[in-house]
Amino acid sequence: MRTVQMTLDDNLVQTVDRVAKYLHTTRSAFTREALHQAVARVKTQRLEEKHRKGYLNHPVSADEFGVWENEQKWGDE
């Protein structure tokens, strides 16, 4: 693990410290988890954008999934 120096405004540091205390964790642990979640969110957004562009370039045809309609079981039949 590395130690990094960051510049944050005082209000944010105070808020992070309050939340970390409430969660019974440290500022570093809280920040690590927040950064992990932010990176995961960016990855998800990038994949969603990639899929959106793919469907714009290759739209679903009207009968593309129709072949599976008879295979669906909804439990009320």
N, C-alpha and C. Protein backbone atom coordinates (compact mmCIF):
# COMPACT_ATOMS: atom_id res chain seq x y z
N MET A 1 0.85 -1.17 0.00
CA MET A 1 0.00 0.00 0.00
C MET A 1 0.89 1.24 0.00
N ARG A 2 0.43 2.28 -0.66
CA ARG A 2 1.19 3.52 -0.75
C ARG A 2 0.49 4.61 0.05
N THR A 3 1.28 5.54 0.51
CA THR A 3 0.75 6.75 1.12
C THR A 3 0.76 7.83 0.05
N VAL A 4 -0.39 8.49 -0.13
CA VAL A 4 -0.49 9.57 -1.11
C VAL A 4 -0.95 10.83 -0.41
N GLN A 5 -0.55 11.94 -0.95
CA GLN A 5 -0.96 13.22 -0.41
C GLN A 5 -2.04 13.80 -1.31
N MET A 6 -3.12 14.28 -0.70
CA MET A 6 -4.23 14.85 -1.46
C MET A 6 -4.57 16.21 -0.87
N THR A 7 -5.11 17.07 -1.70
CA THR A 7 -5.58 18.36 -1.25
C THR A 7 -7.10 18.34 -1.26
N LEU A 8 -7.71 18.54 -0.10
CA LEU A 8 -9.16 18.54 0.05
C LEU A 8 -9.57 19.77 0.83
N ASP A 9 -10.76 20.27 0.54
CA ASP A 9 -11.19 21.43 1.31
C ASP A 9 -11.57 21.00 2.73
N ASP A 10 -11.48 21.93 3.65
CA ASP A 10 -11.68 21.64 5.07
C ASP A 10 -13.05 21.04 5.36
N ASN A 11 -14.09 21.56 4.70
CA ASN A 11 -15.44 21.04 4.95
C ASN A 11 -15.56 19.57 4.55
N LEU A 12 -14.94 19.20 3.45
CA LEU A 12 -14.99 17.80 3.02
C LEU A 12 -14.26 16.90 4.00
N VAL A 13 -13.11 17.33 4.46
CA VAL A 13 -12.36 16.54 5.44
C VAL A 13 -13.18 16.37 6.72
N GLN A 14 -13.80 17.42 7.18
CA GLN A 14 -14.63 17.33 8.38
C GLN A 14 -15.80 16.37 8.18
N THR A 15 -16.42 16.44 7.03
CA THR A 15 -17.54 15.55 6.73
C THR A 15 -17.08 14.10 6.66
N VAL A 16 -15.98 13.86 5.97
CA VAL A 16 -15.43 12.50 5.88
C VAL A 16 -15.08 11.98 7.27
N ASP A 17 -14.48 12.81 8.09
CA ASP A 17 -14.13 12.38 9.45
C ASP A 17 -15.37 12.02 10.26
N ARG A 18 -16.44 12.81 10.13
CA ARG A 18 -17.68 12.50 10.85
C ARG A 18 -18.27 11.17 10.38
N VAL A 19 -18.31 10.99 9.06
CA VAL A 19 -18.87 9.75 8.51
C VAL A 19 -18.01 8.55 8.89
N ALA A 20 -16.72 8.70 8.80
CA ALA A 20 -15.81 7.61 9.16
C ALA A 20 -16.00 7.23 10.63
N LYS A 21 -16.12 8.22 11.49
CA LYS A 21 -16.35 7.94 12.91
C LYS A 21 -17.67 7.21 13.11
N TYR A 22 -18.72 7.66 12.42
CA TYR A 22 -20.04 7.03 12.51
C TYR A 22 -19.97 5.56 12.07
N LEU A 23 -19.16 5.31 11.04
CA LEU A 23 -19.03 3.95 10.50
C LEU A 23 -17.97 3.12 11.23
N HIS A 24 -17.34 3.71 12.25
CA HIS A 24 -16.30 3.02 13.03
C HIS A 24 -15.16 2.55 12.13
N THR A 25 -14.69 3.46 11.31
CA THR A 25 -13.58 3.17 10.42
C THR A 25 -12.63 4.36 10.43
N THR A 26 -11.63 4.30 9.62
CA THR A 26 -10.66 5.41 9.55
C THR A 26 -10.93 6.25 8.30
N ARG A 27 -10.36 7.41 8.30
CA ARG A 27 -10.47 8.29 7.13
C ARG A 27 -9.89 7.58 5.90
N SER A 28 -8.75 6.94 6.07
CA SER A 28 -8.11 6.25 4.95
C SER A 28 -8.97 5.11 4.43
N ALA A 29 -9.50 4.29 5.33
CA ALA A 29 -10.33 3.15 4.92
C ALA A 29 -11.59 3.64 4.21
N PHE A 30 -12.21 4.68 4.76
CA PHE A 30 -13.40 5.24 4.14
C PHE A 30 -13.09 5.76 2.75
N THR A 31 -11.98 6.48 2.62
CA THR A 31 -11.59 7.06 1.34
C THR A 31 -11.25 5.98 0.33
N ARG A 32 -10.54 4.93 0.77
CA ARG A 32 -10.24 3.81 -0.13
C ARG A 32 -11.52 3.20 -0.68
N GLU A 33 -12.49 2.94 0.20
CA GLU A 33 -13.75 2.34 -0.23
C GLU A 33 -14.50 3.27 -1.18
N ALA A 34 -14.51 4.56 -0.88
CA ALA A 34 -15.17 5.53 -1.75
C ALA A 34 -14.52 5.55 -3.13
N LEU A 35 -13.21 5.48 -3.17
CA LEU A 35 -12.50 5.47 -4.45
C LEU A 35 -12.76 4.18 -5.22
N HIS A 36 -12.80 3.04 -4.53
CA HIS A 36 -13.15 1.77 -5.18
C HIS A 36 -14.54 1.86 -5.81
N GLN A 37 -15.48 2.41 -5.07
CA GLN A 37 -16.84 2.53 -5.59
C GLN A 37 -16.90 3.49 -6.78
N ALA A 38 -16.16 4.57 -6.71
CA ALA A 38 -16.14 5.54 -7.82
C ALA A 38 -15.56 4.91 -9.07
N VAL A 39 -14.47 4.15 -8.93
CA VAL A 39 -13.86 3.48 -10.08
C VAL A 39 -14.83 2.46 -10.67
N ALA A 40 -15.51 1.70 -9.82
CA ALA A 40 -16.48 0.71 -10.30
C ALA A 40 -17.62 1.40 -11.05
N ARG A 41 -18.08 2.55 -10.53
CA ARG A 41 -19.15 3.30 -11.18
C ARG A 41 -18.72 3.79 -12.56
N VAL A 42 -17.49 4.26 -12.68
CA VAL A 42 -16.98 4.72 -13.97
C VAL A 42 -16.89 3.54 -14.94
N LYS A 43 -16.43 2.39 -14.48
CA LYS A 43 -16.37 1.21 -15.34
C LYS A 43 -17.76 0.84 -15.84
N THR A 44 -18.73 0.85 -14.95
CA THR A 44 -20.11 0.53 -15.34
C THR A 44 -20.64 1.53 -16.35
N GLN A 45 -20.39 2.80 -16.12
CA GLN A 45 -20.84 3.84 -17.05
C GLN A 45 -20.20 3.66 -18.43
N ARG A 46 -18.93 3.30 -18.45
CA ARG A 46 -18.23 3.09 -19.73
C ARG A 46 -18.84 1.90 -20.47
N LEU A 47 -19.14 0.81 -19.75
CA LEU A 47 -19.76 -0.35 -20.39
C LEU A 47 -21.16 -0.02 -20.91
N GLU A 48 -21.93 0.73 -20.10
CA GLU A 48 -23.26 1.12 -20.54
C GLU A 48 -23.19 1.99 -21.79
N GLU A 49 -22.23 2.89 -21.84
CA GLU A 49 -22.06 3.73 -23.02
C GLU A 49 -21.65 2.89 -24.23
N LYS A 50 -20.77 1.93 -24.01
CA LYS A 50 -20.34 1.04 -25.08
C LYS A 50 -21.54 0.25 -25.62
N HIS A 51 -22.36 -0.27 -24.72
CA HIS A 51 -23.55 -1.02 -25.14
C HIS A 51 -24.54 -0.11 -25.87
N ARG A 52 -24.74 1.10 -25.35
CA ARG A 52 -25.64 2.03 -26.00
C ARG A 52 -25.20 2.32 -27.43
N LYS A 53 -23.91 2.60 -27.59
CA LYS A 53 -23.38 2.86 -28.93
C LYS A 53 -23.51 1.64 -29.83
N GLY A 54 -23.31 0.46 -29.27
CA GLY A 54 -23.45 -0.76 -30.04
C GLY A 54 -24.87 -0.94 -30.55
N TYR A 55 -25.85 -0.69 -29.67
CA TYR A 55 -27.24 -0.82 -30.09
C TYR A 55 -27.65 0.29 -31.07
N LEU A 56 -27.04 1.46 -30.96
CA LEU A 56 -27.31 2.52 -31.94
C LEU A 56 -26.77 2.13 -33.31
N ASN A 57 -25.58 1.51 -33.31
CA ASN A 57 -24.97 1.09 -34.58
C ASN A 57 -25.60 -0.17 -35.16
N HIS A 58 -26.11 -1.03 -34.27
CA HIS A 58 -26.72 -2.31 -34.69
C HIS A 58 -28.01 -2.51 -33.91
N PRO A 59 -29.08 -1.81 -34.28
CA PRO A 59 -30.34 -1.91 -33.53
C PRO A 59 -30.91 -3.33 -33.52
N VAL A 60 -31.66 -3.61 -32.49
CA VAL A 60 -32.34 -4.90 -32.39
C VAL A 60 -33.42 -4.95 -33.45
N SER A 61 -33.47 -6.06 -34.19
CA SER A 61 -34.53 -6.21 -35.19
C SER A 61 -35.82 -6.61 -34.50
N ALA A 62 -36.93 -6.36 -35.16
CA ALA A 62 -38.25 -6.59 -34.57
C ALA A 62 -38.45 -8.04 -34.14
N ASP A 63 -37.87 -8.99 -34.85
CA ASP A 63 -38.09 -10.40 -34.52
C ASP A 63 -36.88 -11.07 -33.89
N GLU A 64 -35.91 -10.28 -33.47
CA GLU A 64 -34.66 -10.85 -32.96
C GLU A 64 -34.85 -11.76 -31.75
N PHE A 65 -35.74 -11.40 -30.86
CA PHE A 65 -35.93 -12.20 -29.65
C PHE A 65 -37.25 -12.98 -29.68
N GLY A 66 -38.01 -12.84 -30.75
CA GLY A 66 -39.29 -13.52 -30.84
C GLY A 66 -39.20 -15.03 -30.75
N VAL A 67 -38.09 -15.60 -31.21
CA VAL A 67 -37.92 -17.04 -31.19
C VAL A 67 -37.96 -17.59 -29.76
N TRP A 68 -37.68 -16.76 -28.75
CA TRP A 68 -37.65 -17.20 -27.36
C TRP A 68 -38.97 -17.02 -26.63
N GLU A 69 -39.95 -16.38 -27.25
CA GLU A 69 -41.21 -16.09 -26.56
C GLU A 69 -41.91 -17.36 -26.07
N ASN A 70 -41.87 -18.43 -26.83
CA ASN A 70 -42.52 -19.66 -26.42
C ASN A 70 -41.76 -20.37 -25.30
N GLU A 71 -40.51 -19.99 -25.09
CA GLU A 71 -39.69 -20.62 -24.04
C GLU A 71 -39.87 -19.96 -22.68
N GLN A 72 -40.46 -18.79 -22.65
CA GLN A 72 -40.61 -18.04 -21.39
C GLN A 72 -41.68 -18.67 -20.52
N LYS A 73 -41.37 -18.81 -19.25
CA LYS A 73 -42.33 -19.32 -18.27
C LYS A 73 -42.45 -18.28 -17.16
N TRP A 74 -43.64 -17.79 -16.95
CA TRP A 74 -43.85 -16.73 -15.97
C TRP A 74 -44.47 -17.25 -14.69
N GLY A 75 -44.75 -18.54 -14.59
CA GLY A 75 -45.24 -19.12 -13.35
C GLY A 75 -46.74 -19.04 -13.18
N ASP A 76 -47.47 -18.35 -14.04
CA ASP A 76 -48.92 -18.22 -13.89
C ASP A 76 -49.65 -19.02 -14.96
N GLU A 77 -48.96 -19.88 -15.65
CA GLU A 77 -49.56 -20.67 -16.73
C GLU A 77 -49.92 -22.05 -16.26
